[in-house]
Protein backbone atom coordinates (compact mmCIF):
# COMPACT_ATOMS: atom_id res chain seq x y z
CA MET A 1 5.47 3.24 -13.19
CA ASN A 2 8.63 1.53 -11.96
CA THR A 3 8.99 -2.26 -11.92
CA TYR A 4 7.73 -2.97 -8.62
CA GLU A 5 4.68 -1.17 -9.07
CA GLN A 6 3.78 -3.00 -12.03
CA VAL A 7 4.16 -6.15 -9.91
CA ARG A 8 2.22 -4.65 -6.92
CA PHE A 9 -0.63 -4.19 -9.09
CA SER A 10 -0.48 -7.36 -11.58
CA GLY A 11 -2.19 -8.97 -8.31
CA SER A 12 -5.49 -11.26 -7.94
CA VAL A 13 -8.58 -9.46 -6.49
CA ALA A 14 -9.77 -11.45 -4.29
CA ARG A 15 -12.66 -11.09 -1.44
CA VAL A 16 -11.94 -11.21 2.71
CA ARG A 17 -14.01 -14.49 3.99
CA ALA A 18 -12.44 -14.14 7.39
CA VAL A 19 -10.13 -12.42 10.04
CA ASP A 20 -8.22 -14.05 12.50
CA HIS A 21 -6.74 -10.70 14.57
CA ASN A 22 -4.85 -12.80 17.22
CA GLY A 23 -2.65 -14.87 14.55
CA CYS A 24 -2.70 -12.23 12.27
CA ARG A 25 -4.24 -14.33 9.43
CA LEU A 26 -6.50 -13.94 6.80
CA TYR A 27 -8.94 -15.92 4.25
CA LEU A 28 -9.51 -15.50 1.22
CA GLU A 29 -12.12 -15.86 -1.23
CA LEU A 30 -10.45 -15.93 -4.86
CA ARG A 31 -12.66 -15.71 -7.64
CA ASN A 32 -12.23 -19.90 -8.82
CA GLY A 33 -14.02 -20.16 -5.17
CA SER A 34 -10.84 -20.98 -3.49
CA ILE A 35 -10.11 -20.22 0.24
CA VAL A 36 -6.62 -19.02 0.88
CA THR A 37 -4.41 -18.33 3.73
CA VAL A 38 -2.27 -15.45 4.29
CA ASN A 39 0.01 -14.81 7.59
CA GLY A 40 1.73 -11.97 8.47
CA GLN A 41 -0.61 -9.37 7.66
CA ALA A 42 -1.94 -6.12 9.69
CA THR A 43 -5.28 -7.86 9.53
CA SER A 44 -6.54 -4.37 11.56
CA ASP A 45 -6.53 -2.66 8.24
CA PHE A 46 -9.05 -5.19 6.05
CA ASP A 47 -12.75 -6.04 7.49
CA VAL A 48 -14.70 -9.42 6.17
CA GLY A 49 -16.16 -8.44 3.30
CA SER A 50 -13.29 -6.14 1.85
CA VAL A 51 -12.20 -6.51 -1.92
CA VAL A 52 -8.13 -6.65 -2.00
CA LEU A 53 -5.16 -6.83 -4.66
CA VAL A 54 -3.16 -9.99 -3.27
CA ARG A 55 0.19 -11.35 -4.53
CA LEU A 56 1.11 -14.86 -3.54
CA GLU A 57 4.08 -16.63 -3.11
CA GLU A 58 4.59 -20.45 -2.15
CA ASN A 59 6.34 -19.04 0.49
CA ASP A 60 3.80 -16.67 2.22
CA GLU A 61 6.87 -14.51 2.90
CA GLY A 62 6.67 -12.46 -0.01
CA SER A 63 2.72 -12.50 0.21
CA TYR A 64 1.07 -9.02 0.49
CA ILE A 65 -2.03 -7.10 0.13
CA GLU A 66 -3.67 -4.16 -0.30
CA ALA A 67 -7.40 -2.48 -0.38
CA ALA A 68 -8.70 -2.24 -3.81
CA PRO A 69 -11.91 -0.75 -5.03
CA ASP A 70 -15.16 -2.89 -4.21
CA ASP A 71 -15.93 -2.88 -8.13
CA LEU A 72 -13.14 -5.12 -9.04
CA TRP A 73 -14.83 -7.60 -7.29
CA VAL A 74 -17.52 -8.26 -9.79
CA ALA A 75 -19.60 -11.42 -8.46
CA GLU A 76 -20.14 -13.44 -10.61
CA PRO A 77 -23.80 -15.40 -10.61
CA TRP A 78 -24.53 -18.93 -11.10
CA VAL A 79 -27.38 -21.50 -12.09
CA GLY A 80 -28.80 -24.15 -10.13
CA VAL A 81 -32.11 -25.87 -9.65
CA VAL A 82 -33.81 -25.92 -6.62
CA ARG A 83 -34.28 -28.98 -4.63
CA LEU A 84 -36.07 -28.38 -1.69
CA VAL A 85 -37.83 -25.01 0.09
CA SER A 86 -38.48 -24.28 3.68
CA LEU A 87 -39.24 -20.76 5.12
CA ASP A 88 -35.53 -20.01 5.60
CA LYS A 89 -33.11 -21.71 3.60
CA THR A 90 -33.22 -23.67 0.63
CA VAL A 91 -31.43 -26.35 -1.60
CA VAL A 92 -30.35 -25.41 -4.50
CA ASP A 93 -28.79 -28.24 -6.64
CA ALA A 94 -25.36 -26.57 -9.07
CA SER A 95 -23.78 -28.72 -11.17
CA GLY A 96 -24.37 -31.53 -8.36
CA HIS A 97 -23.08 -29.99 -5.68
CA TRP A 98 -26.28 -28.87 -2.89
CA ARG A 99 -26.20 -25.77 -2.03
CA LEU A 100 -28.00 -23.81 1.37
CA ILE A 101 -28.72 -20.61 0.80
CA SER A 102 -31.41 -18.33 2.64
CA THR A 103 -35.15 -18.23 1.30
CA PRO A 104 -35.59 -14.84 -0.27
CA ASN A 105 -38.80 -13.44 0.88
CA ASP A 106 -39.74 -11.44 -2.71
CA ILE A 107 -39.08 -14.38 -4.57
CA ALA A 108 -41.97 -17.28 -5.17
CA LEU A 109 -39.71 -20.74 -5.41
CA CYS A 110 -41.02 -24.07 -6.43
CA ILE A 111 -39.35 -27.07 -6.43
CA GLY A 112 -38.13 -27.42 -10.02
CA ASN A 113 -37.25 -23.83 -10.56
CA THR A 114 -33.76 -22.98 -12.30
CA VAL A 115 -32.75 -19.87 -10.37
CA GLU A 116 -29.99 -17.84 -10.70
CA VAL A 117 -27.75 -16.89 -7.80
CA GLN A 118 -25.25 -14.46 -6.41
CA ASP A 119 -23.39 -15.66 -3.29
CA SER A 120 -23.73 -12.29 -2.01
CA LEU A 121 -27.16 -11.56 -2.43
CA GLY A 122 -28.03 -14.68 -2.55
CA ILE A 123 -31.22 -16.42 -5.08
CA VAL A 124 -31.86 -12.98 -7.31
CA ARG A 125 -34.55 -14.29 -10.00
CA VAL A 126 -36.09 -17.54 -11.45
CA LEU A 127 -35.12 -17.39 -14.60
CA SER A 128 -37.36 -21.11 -15.64
CA GLU A 129 -40.27 -22.64 -14.48
CA LYS A 130 -39.04 -26.21 -15.16
CA PRO A 131 -35.49 -27.43 -14.01
CA ILE A 132 -32.56 -26.95 -15.91
CA ARG A 133 -30.75 -30.35 -17.56
CA HIS A 134 -26.40 -31.25 -17.30
CA LEU A 135 -26.97 -32.69 -20.19
CA ASP A 136 -28.41 -31.86 -23.62
CA LEU A 137 -31.46 -34.31 -22.90
CA PRO A 138 -34.25 -34.44 -24.47
CA THR A 139 -37.19 -32.82 -22.55
CA ALA A 140 -39.70 -35.11 -20.60
CA ASP A 141 -42.37 -32.88 -19.74
CA ASP A 142 -46.11 -32.93 -20.22
CA ASP A 143 -45.79 -33.04 -23.91
CA ILE A 144 -44.05 -36.27 -24.29
CA ILE A 145 -47.85 -37.24 -23.73
CA SER A 146 -48.52 -36.80 -27.39
CA ARG A 147 -46.75 -39.29 -28.74
CA PHE A 148 -48.76 -41.91 -26.82
CA GLU A 149 -52.13 -40.28 -28.29
CA PRO A 150 -53.72 -41.72 -30.81
CA ARG A 151 -54.07 -39.30 -33.79
CA GLU A 152 -57.63 -37.93 -34.27
CA GLY A 153 -59.87 -38.61 -36.92
CA GLY A 154 -62.03 -41.27 -38.52
CA ARG A 155 -65.30 -42.61 -37.18
CA PRO A 156 -64.49 -44.59 -33.69
CA GLU A 157 -64.28 -48.17 -33.52
CA THR A 158 -67.44 -49.80 -31.86
CA PHE A 159 -68.01 -53.23 -30.45
CA GLU A 160 -69.68 -53.55 -33.54
CA ASP A 161 -66.82 -53.49 -35.34
CA PHE A 162 -64.89 -56.14 -33.50
CA GLY A 163 -66.08 -59.65 -35.35
CA GLY A 164 -65.92 -62.97 -33.46
CA LEU A 165 -64.16 -63.64 -30.49
CA GLN A 166 -67.65 -62.45 -28.09
CA ASP A 167 -66.70 -64.34 -24.77
CA VAL A 168 -63.50 -62.76 -25.46
CA VAL A 169 -65.36 -59.18 -25.74
CA ALA A 170 -67.38 -59.98 -22.83
CA ARG A 171 -64.18 -60.56 -20.50
CA ALA A 172 -63.05 -58.24 -21.65
CA ARG A 173 -65.65 -55.49 -20.90
CA GLU A 174 -66.26 -57.26 -17.39
CA LEU A 175 -62.39 -56.57 -16.19
CA VAL A 176 -61.94 -53.46 -17.93
CA GLU A 177 -65.27 -51.66 -18.42
CA VAL A 178 -67.32 -52.05 -15.67
CA PRO A 179 -64.37 -51.21 -12.89
CA LEU A 180 -63.86 -47.99 -15.29
CA LYS A 181 -67.88 -46.86 -15.29
CA ARG A 182 -68.38 -48.72 -11.88
CA GLU A 183 -65.82 -47.31 -9.17
CA GLU A 184 -67.95 -45.68 -7.18
CA GLU A 185 -70.36 -49.06 -6.23
CA LEU A 186 -67.28 -51.12 -6.27
CA SER A 187 -65.48 -48.73 -3.92
CA GLN A 188 -68.58 -48.76 -1.70
CA ILE A 189 -68.62 -52.72 -1.91
CA GLY A 190 -65.13 -52.19 -0.68
CA ALA A 191 -63.41 -54.59 -3.52
CA ARG A 192 -59.97 -54.37 -4.09
CA PRO A 193 -60.25 -52.33 -7.47
CA ILE A 194 -58.55 -54.19 -11.18
CA LYS A 195 -55.39 -51.63 -12.63
CA GLY A 196 -53.94 -54.37 -14.46
CA VAL A 197 -55.25 -57.12 -17.32
CA LEU A 198 -53.02 -58.76 -19.28
CA PHE A 199 -54.53 -59.11 -23.31
CA THR A 200 -52.38 -62.84 -24.81
CA GLY A 201 -52.40 -64.51 -27.55
CA PRO A 202 -50.86 -64.39 -31.65
CA PRO A 203 -50.37 -61.13 -33.18
CA GLY A 204 -53.51 -59.98 -35.49
CA THR A 205 -56.24 -60.56 -33.03
CA GLY A 206 -57.60 -57.62 -32.41
CA LYS A 207 -55.69 -56.94 -29.12
CA THR A 208 -55.08 -54.02 -29.78
CA MET A 209 -58.52 -52.66 -31.01
CA LEU A 210 -60.28 -53.92 -28.38
CA ALA A 211 -58.40 -51.81 -25.83
CA ARG A 212 -59.29 -48.60 -28.18
CA ILE A 213 -62.90 -49.89 -28.77
CA ILE A 214 -63.32 -50.33 -24.61
CA ALA A 215 -61.65 -46.82 -23.89
CA ASN A 216 -64.19 -45.13 -26.77
CA ASN A 217 -67.25 -47.00 -24.95
CA THR A 218 -66.04 -46.10 -21.17
CA ASP A 219 -65.21 -42.34 -22.35
CA ALA A 220 -61.85 -43.05 -21.02
CA LYS A 221 -58.41 -41.50 -22.46
CA PHE A 222 -56.69 -43.96 -24.15
CA TYR A 223 -52.94 -44.07 -24.32
CA GLU A 224 -51.07 -46.52 -26.38
CA VAL A 225 -47.36 -47.91 -25.83
CA SER A 226 -44.47 -49.45 -27.15
CA GLY A 227 -41.03 -50.04 -25.94
CA PRO A 228 -39.42 -47.79 -28.53
CA GLN A 229 -41.57 -44.98 -27.76
CA VAL A 230 -40.28 -45.64 -24.24
CA PHE A 231 -36.39 -46.63 -23.74
CA SER A 232 -33.84 -43.89 -24.11
CA LYS A 233 -30.31 -43.15 -24.51
CA TRP A 234 -29.87 -40.69 -21.72
CA TYR A 235 -29.61 -42.59 -18.36
CA SER A 236 -33.34 -42.62 -16.29
CA GLU A 237 -35.00 -40.55 -18.91
CA SER A 238 -36.70 -44.03 -19.54
CA GLU A 239 -38.79 -43.80 -15.98
CA GLU A 240 -39.16 -40.70 -16.48
CA ILE A 241 -41.16 -40.86 -18.85
CA LEU A 242 -43.40 -43.92 -17.48
CA ARG A 243 -43.64 -41.35 -15.16
CA ILE A 244 -44.97 -38.65 -16.32
CA LEU A 245 -47.67 -40.96 -18.18
CA PHE A 246 -48.95 -42.32 -15.60
CA GLU A 247 -49.12 -39.09 -13.56
CA ASN A 248 -50.90 -37.57 -16.54
CA ALA A 249 -53.49 -40.43 -16.57
CA ALA A 250 -54.08 -40.14 -12.83
CA LYS A 251 -55.82 -36.71 -13.56
CA LYS A 252 -58.10 -37.99 -15.99
CA GLU A 253 -61.49 -39.01 -14.82
CA ARG A 254 -61.30 -42.17 -16.71
CA ALA A 255 -57.74 -43.67 -18.57
CA ILE A 256 -56.78 -46.90 -20.04
CA ILE A 257 -52.65 -47.05 -20.61
CA PHE A 258 -52.17 -49.94 -23.11
CA PHE A 259 -48.83 -51.71 -23.26
CA ASP A 260 -48.14 -53.30 -26.67
CA GLU A 261 -45.40 -56.24 -26.87
CA ILE A 262 -45.23 -55.20 -22.85
CA ASP A 263 -42.75 -58.09 -23.17
CA SER A 264 -40.10 -55.65 -24.91
CA VAL A 265 -40.64 -53.20 -21.85
CA ALA A 266 -40.80 -54.68 -18.97
CA GLY A 267 -38.94 -58.83 -19.78
CA GLN A 268 -37.88 -61.02 -17.00
CA ARG A 269 -34.90 -59.03 -15.31
CA ALA A 270 -31.34 -61.76 -14.74
CA GLU A 271 -27.93 -60.76 -14.16
CA GLU A 272 -27.41 -60.72 -17.95
CA SER A 273 -30.16 -58.16 -18.40
CA HIS A 274 -28.99 -54.71 -19.36
CA GLU A 275 -29.54 -51.96 -16.07
CA ALA A 276 -31.67 -50.09 -18.37
CA SER A 277 -34.04 -52.67 -19.10
CA ARG A 278 -34.40 -53.09 -15.45
CA ARG A 279 -34.44 -50.05 -14.18
CA VAL A 280 -37.71 -49.39 -16.13
CA VAL A 281 -38.96 -52.72 -14.75
CA ALA A 282 -38.62 -51.66 -11.45
CA GLN A 283 -40.31 -48.18 -12.29
CA LEU A 284 -43.34 -50.06 -13.76
CA LEU A 285 -43.74 -52.32 -10.67
CA THR A 286 -43.72 -48.54 -8.46
CA LEU A 287 -46.25 -46.88 -10.00
CA MET A 288 -48.51 -49.60 -11.12
CA ASP A 289 -47.99 -50.22 -6.22
CA GLY A 290 -49.00 -46.30 -6.42
CA PHE A 291 -52.48 -46.32 -7.39
CA THR A 292 -54.51 -44.92 -4.96
CA PRO A 293 -58.24 -45.93 -4.63
CA ASP A 294 -59.01 -42.43 -6.57
CA ASP A 295 -56.81 -42.96 -9.37
CA ASN A 296 -59.50 -44.55 -11.95
CA VAL A 297 -56.80 -45.81 -14.44
CA VAL A 298 -56.54 -49.59 -16.19
CA VAL A 299 -53.34 -50.81 -17.55
CA ILE A 300 -53.73 -53.33 -20.14
CA ALA A 301 -50.76 -54.76 -21.53
CA ALA A 302 -50.96 -56.97 -24.99
CA THR A 303 -48.42 -59.90 -25.73
CA ASN A 304 -47.88 -63.26 -27.69
CA ARG A 305 -45.01 -64.30 -24.97
CA PRO A 306 -46.55 -64.05 -21.72
CA GLN A 307 -43.67 -66.28 -19.74
CA ASP A 308 -41.16 -63.77 -20.89
CA ILE A 309 -42.54 -61.04 -18.46
CA ASP A 310 -41.20 -60.32 -15.47
CA THR A 311 -42.67 -62.32 -13.24
CA ALA A 312 -43.36 -59.29 -10.42
CA LEU A 313 -45.60 -58.14 -12.86
CA ARG A 314 -48.12 -61.14 -12.50
CA ARG A 315 -48.56 -60.84 -8.50
CA PRO A 316 -51.59 -59.53 -7.25
CA GLY A 317 -52.66 -56.06 -7.95
CA ARG A 318 -50.39 -55.37 -11.16
CA PHE A 319 -50.80 -57.48 -14.34
CA ASP A 320 -52.88 -60.47 -11.87
CA TRP A 321 -55.81 -61.18 -14.46
CA GLU A 322 -55.53 -62.18 -18.36
CA ILE A 323 -57.22 -62.86 -21.19
CA PRO A 324 -56.49 -65.21 -23.75
CA PHE A 325 -57.27 -63.94 -27.47
CA PRO A 326 -57.06 -67.32 -28.87
CA LEU A 327 -57.14 -67.60 -33.43
CA PRO A 328 -60.55 -66.85 -34.73
CA VAL A 329 -62.63 -70.43 -35.58
CA ARG A 330 -65.02 -70.64 -38.69
CA SER A 331 -67.74 -68.64 -37.67
CA ASP A 332 -65.79 -66.30 -36.04
CA ARG A 333 -63.44 -65.73 -39.40
CA GLU A 334 -66.76 -65.31 -41.49
CA SER A 335 -67.69 -62.65 -38.77
CA ILE A 336 -65.07 -61.12 -39.48
CA LEU A 337 -64.92 -60.95 -43.08
CA ARG A 338 -68.39 -59.76 -43.19
CA LEU A 339 -67.78 -56.67 -40.89
CA SER A 340 -64.43 -55.51 -43.02
CA ALA A 341 -66.90 -55.92 -45.72
CA GLN A 342 -69.40 -53.05 -44.60
CA ARG A 343 -66.58 -50.79 -44.30
CA LEU A 344 -65.65 -51.00 -48.20
CA SER A 345 -67.68 -50.42 -51.51
CA THR A 346 -68.55 -53.73 -52.36
CA MET A 347 -70.57 -55.68 -54.63
CA ASP A 348 -72.89 -58.83 -53.71
CA PRO A 349 -72.81 -61.45 -53.39
CA LEU A 350 -69.61 -62.54 -51.89
CA PRO A 351 -67.80 -66.16 -50.69
CA HIS A 352 -67.65 -64.94 -47.26
CA ALA A 353 -68.28 -68.39 -46.41
CA TRP A 354 -66.21 -70.14 -48.66
CA ILE A 355 -63.11 -67.98 -47.32
CA ALA A 356 -63.83 -68.26 -43.95
CA GLN A 357 -63.57 -72.21 -44.51
CA ASN A 358 -60.11 -72.16 -46.25
CA THR A 359 -58.52 -70.04 -43.80
CA GLU A 360 -58.23 -72.13 -40.83
CA ARG A 361 -55.40 -70.17 -38.24
CA TRP A 362 -55.62 -66.80 -39.87
CA SER A 363 -55.50 -63.99 -37.83
CA GLY A 364 -58.21 -61.68 -37.66
CA ALA A 365 -55.49 -59.23 -39.10
CA GLU A 366 -54.44 -61.34 -41.94
CA LEU A 367 -58.19 -61.59 -43.14
CA ALA A 368 -58.28 -57.56 -42.82
CA ALA A 369 -55.57 -58.08 -45.35
CA ILE A 370 -57.55 -59.74 -48.34
CA TRP A 371 -59.40 -57.06 -49.01
CA SER A 372 -56.22 -54.51 -49.33
CA GLU A 373 -55.36 -57.13 -52.25
CA ALA A 374 -59.18 -57.04 -53.39
CA ALA A 375 -59.23 -53.28 -53.55
CA LEU A 376 -55.43 -53.55 -55.76
CA LEU A 377 -56.96 -55.98 -57.88
CA ALA A 378 -60.19 -53.86 -58.37
CA ALA A 379 -58.35 -50.24 -59.31
CA SER A 380 -56.35 -51.40 -61.77
CA ASP A 381 -59.25 -52.34 -63.33
CA GLY A 382 -60.48 -49.37 -63.39
CA ARG A 383 -63.33 -49.99 -60.88
CA ALA A 384 -64.34 -48.76 -57.70
CA VAL A 385 -66.11 -51.08 -56.05
CA ILE A 386 -64.84 -55.24 -55.49
CA VAL A 387 -66.23 -57.73 -56.83
CA ALA A 388 -66.20 -61.79 -55.78
CA GLU A 389 -63.80 -62.23 -58.37
CA ASP A 390 -61.24 -59.74 -56.51
CA TYR A 391 -62.36 -60.95 -53.59
CA VAL A 392 -61.40 -64.90 -54.33
CA GLU A 393 -57.99 -63.69 -55.91
CA GLY A 394 -56.85 -60.88 -53.27
CA PHE A 395 -57.17 -64.04 -51.19
CA LYS A 396 -55.24 -66.61 -53.10
CA GLY A 397 -52.77 -63.74 -53.51
CA PHE A 398 -52.39 -63.32 -49.88
CA ALA A 399 -52.39 -67.02 -49.07
CA LEU A 400 -49.50 -67.25 -51.18
CA LYS A 401 -47.01 -64.08 -49.76
CA ILE A 402 -47.72 -65.45 -45.98
CA GLU A 403 -47.28 -69.43 -47.70
CA ILE A 404 -50.05 -70.80 -45.81
CA GLY A 405 -51.87 -73.71 -47.12
CA PRO A 406 -53.24 -76.19 -48.43
CA TYR A 407 -56.42 -74.33 -49.63
CA LYS A 408 -59.21 -76.00 -51.34
CA TRP A 409 -60.00 -73.50 -54.27
């Protein structure tokens, strides 16, 4: 083969997209998707869809085309996500570019499907029921719900396990338990359903425990959410996690979504606030406003800093009901201590009244920690039972750790 023939066959493979017979112009599609024109050709020799071998020069004068076998044009498939489906057309997202493609008759499509597409054939097949992501993001789907579900095992907590604060318990049952159990009656009355309740008070006062107990007592699905579980480094991932969580809860007969330390998730929005935080607050507002009368879901949020919560969350229909959890008084502290002792191996008599008298301004969690100290002392002595001496020394030891005093021992 001479030099001329070698040059002739070094051209690029293209496909004819359109023919202008009057202007003797061909419109060619290259493999990279670009469209080029070639002038001065015998256009009658080429039909739309013909595969050609083309050599292009900058001034077009040296450009020429010759017919080539169809096998040279290998259709390159591409992958996209279905965003809209109608009877005749389907919108496919191809890396951020919207493509309008004929809806196939023999392939069932749903929004969110990942599909294989060939320009010449259209949608070839569904690769996945779920959308492919442009970045390697953690998957935000229904499987993510497991991170918000409490671990199984152990005896379910009941109201008998919650010591003291009986007024708080009664109010919480009224605002949370009654709407969940008596949804039909409230609907017939025409009352606006309670969808958000705010538990406020110092740490360790039983806010999370009471929410769990109410969920157990109403046979409600319980979801426990904290800030680190929601926030993601990926753009819009946090909002997607919240959306999936609320959608999953709405499918249950009854559900409680509990946000621990809601101020870390939905703090006040300001100019200096991080964009991700502002988006999460906006999404939470949208989701709470999106509840329908048929959604038997109550959202409980706990915080010891109610002043830091975004004010929009305190408006009617959101967290417009508040239950303060005070530190337990002496009688409440004694009740908490006695209930805790019932779950342990102990030997009477135990000085519950004396411990309660000397634990002013202690929270329920701090009172429970006394038993951990006492158990360590008993185990160190080779005993499998807690006696009064362990109890008193456990109290003194934990009091020194948290530097609370003075005490009368």
